[in-house]
Amino acid sequence: MPLSEHEQRMLDQIESALYAEDPKFASSVRGGSMRAPSALRRLWGAGLVVLGLAMLVTGVAVTATRIGDFPVLSVLGFLVMFGGALFAVTGSRKPTAPNVTDISAAGKRGKGHGGSFSNRMEDRFRRRFEE
């Protein structure tokens, strides 16, 4: 469910206040958003899944790869297969974080005077707490 305009403005104000108060902490908390995986990342992930599947089947078929009754190679194969699937599905994080001026400008976006009744009431409410 998307945020209303008022909720989005309030969130932008809170975010800009956080950046103004402690930019280093705010940038570390914010992090980056996830991107879609690239074709090369999907190819590597599929290769790891195939390799893990081969390890899993080999560990079950060959008794020399067991320690007692524990199939070590099969467990490792499953872990490689699971890691490859995760690698193929997830994308890498974006390294860019917005700077403080972008966020403070976004917080000032909806502060126009006039307009609809609800905007005027929000401006009055905001002015009461700013004084």
Protein backbone atom coordinates (compact mmCIF):
# COMPACT_ATOMS: atom_id res chain seq x y z
CA MET A 1 0.00 0.00 0.00
CA PRO A 2 1.60 3.31 -1.07
CA LEU A 3 2.05 6.21 1.33
CA SER A 4 -0.20 9.24 1.12
CA GLU A 5 1.32 12.59 0.14
CA HIS A 6 1.32 13.74 3.75
CA GLU A 7 3.00 10.55 4.95
CA GLN A 8 5.60 10.80 2.19
CA ARG A 9 6.36 14.42 3.14
CA MET A 10 6.68 13.49 6.80
CA LEU A 11 9.02 10.62 5.91
CA ASP A 12 11.13 12.94 3.76
CA GLN A 13 11.34 15.44 6.63
CA ILE A 14 12.40 12.77 9.10
CA GLU A 15 14.99 11.49 6.65
CA SER A 16 16.40 14.97 5.98
CA ALA A 17 16.56 15.67 9.72
CA LEU A 18 18.46 12.42 10.24
CA TYR A 19 20.93 13.32 7.49
CA ALA A 20 21.37 16.83 8.93
CA GLU A 21 21.96 15.51 12.45
CA ASP A 22 24.32 12.61 11.68
CA PRO A 23 25.12 12.06 7.97
CA LYS A 24 27.60 9.24 8.58
CA PHE A 25 25.11 7.18 10.60
CA ALA A 26 22.28 7.93 8.16
CA SER A 27 24.29 6.79 5.14
CA SER A 28 25.35 3.59 6.90
CA VAL A 29 21.76 2.78 7.90
CA ARG A 30 20.28 3.62 4.53
CA GLY A 31 22.46 1.25 2.51
CA GLY A 32 21.61 0.67 -1.12
CA SER A 33 18.71 -0.87 -2.88
CA MET A 34 18.95 -4.21 -4.62
CA ARG A 35 19.39 -4.42 -8.37
CA ALA A 36 18.23 -7.16 -10.70
CA PRO A 37 20.90 -9.80 -11.33
CA SER A 38 22.94 -9.49 -14.49
CA ALA A 39 23.10 -12.19 -17.15
CA LEU A 40 26.66 -13.09 -16.16
CA ARG A 41 25.63 -13.45 -12.52
CA ARG A 42 22.76 -15.75 -13.54
CA LEU A 43 25.13 -17.82 -15.67
CA TRP A 44 27.61 -18.23 -12.79
CA GLY A 45 24.75 -19.11 -10.45
CA ALA A 46 23.42 -21.75 -12.85
CA GLY A 47 26.92 -23.20 -13.14
CA LEU A 48 27.21 -23.44 -9.36
CA VAL A 49 23.80 -25.14 -9.18
CA VAL A 50 24.91 -27.74 -11.74
CA LEU A 51 28.22 -28.27 -9.92
CA GLY A 52 26.42 -28.65 -6.58
CA LEU A 53 23.96 -31.12 -8.09
CA ALA A 54 26.85 -33.18 -9.48
CA MET A 55 28.52 -33.15 -6.05
CA LEU A 56 25.26 -34.19 -4.38
CA VAL A 57 24.68 -37.13 -6.72
CA THR A 58 28.34 -38.20 -6.56
CA GLY A 59 28.27 -38.08 -2.77
CA VAL A 60 25.25 -40.38 -2.67
CA ALA A 61 26.58 -42.81 -5.29
CA VAL A 62 30.19 -43.12 -4.14
CA THR A 63 30.65 -44.61 -0.69
CA ALA A 64 34.28 -43.42 -0.48
CA THR A 65 33.08 -39.85 0.06
CA ARG A 66 31.39 -40.68 3.37
CA ILE A 67 32.69 -40.35 6.89
CA GLY A 68 30.97 -43.16 8.73
CA ASP A 69 27.39 -42.95 7.50
CA PHE A 70 27.53 -39.17 6.94
CA PRO A 71 27.62 -38.14 3.24
CA VAL A 72 30.04 -35.19 3.42
CA LEU A 73 30.24 -34.58 -0.34
CA SER A 74 26.45 -34.61 -0.67
CA VAL A 75 26.04 -32.00 2.07
CA LEU A 76 28.72 -29.81 0.49
CA GLY A 77 27.04 -30.27 -2.88
CA PHE A 78 23.73 -29.13 -1.44
CA LEU A 79 25.36 -26.05 0.08
CA VAL A 80 27.05 -25.19 -3.23
CA MET A 81 23.77 -25.70 -5.06
CA PHE A 82 21.86 -23.51 -2.59
CA GLY A 83 24.53 -20.80 -2.71
CA GLY A 84 24.51 -20.85 -6.50
CA ALA A 85 20.75 -20.45 -6.60
CA LEU A 86 20.95 -17.50 -4.19
CA PHE A 87 23.77 -15.99 -6.23
CA ALA A 88 21.74 -16.31 -9.45
CA VAL A 89 18.54 -14.84 -8.02
CA THR A 90 19.87 -11.89 -6.02
CA GLY A 91 21.48 -8.83 -7.49
CA SER A 92 24.27 -6.75 -6.07
CA ARG A 93 23.66 -3.61 -4.03
CA LYS A 94 23.89 -0.20 -5.61
CA PRO A 95 26.91 1.59 -4.19
CA THR A 96 25.39 5.05 -4.52
CA ALA A 97 23.68 6.76 -1.61
CA PRO A 98 21.89 10.06 -2.09
CA ASN A 99 23.66 13.09 -0.75
CA VAL A 100 22.23 15.42 1.88
CA THR A 101 21.21 18.16 -0.56
CA ASP A 102 19.05 15.77 -2.58
CA ILE A 103 17.17 14.63 0.52
CA SER A 104 16.65 18.12 1.92
CA ALA A 105 15.36 19.26 -1.47
CA ALA A 106 12.97 16.30 -1.54
CA GLY A 107 11.69 17.27 1.91
CA LYS A 108 10.95 20.81 0.72
CA ARG A 109 9.04 19.62 -2.34
CA GLY A 110 5.51 19.71 -0.98
CA LYS A 111 5.72 22.88 1.14
CA GLY A 112 3.82 25.22 -1.15
CA HIS A 113 1.42 27.76 0.35
CA GLY A 114 -2.13 27.79 -0.91
CA GLY A 115 -3.56 24.94 -2.86
CA SER A 116 -6.11 22.56 -1.45
CA PHE A 117 -7.72 22.75 1.97
CA SER A 118 -5.73 19.79 3.28
CA ASN A 119 -2.42 21.38 2.20
CA ARG A 120 -3.29 24.63 4.01
CA MET A 121 -4.22 22.69 7.15
CA GLU A 122 -0.98 20.74 7.02
CA ASP A 123 1.00 23.97 6.66
CA ARG A 124 -0.76 25.45 9.70
CA PHE A 125 -0.11 22.31 11.72
CA ARG A 126 3.55 22.32 10.72
CA ARG A 127 3.99 26.02 11.57
CA ARG A 128 2.63 25.44 15.08
CA PHE A 129 5.38 22.96 15.87
CA GLU A 130 8.15 24.89 14.14
CA GLU A 131 7.68 28.00 16.32
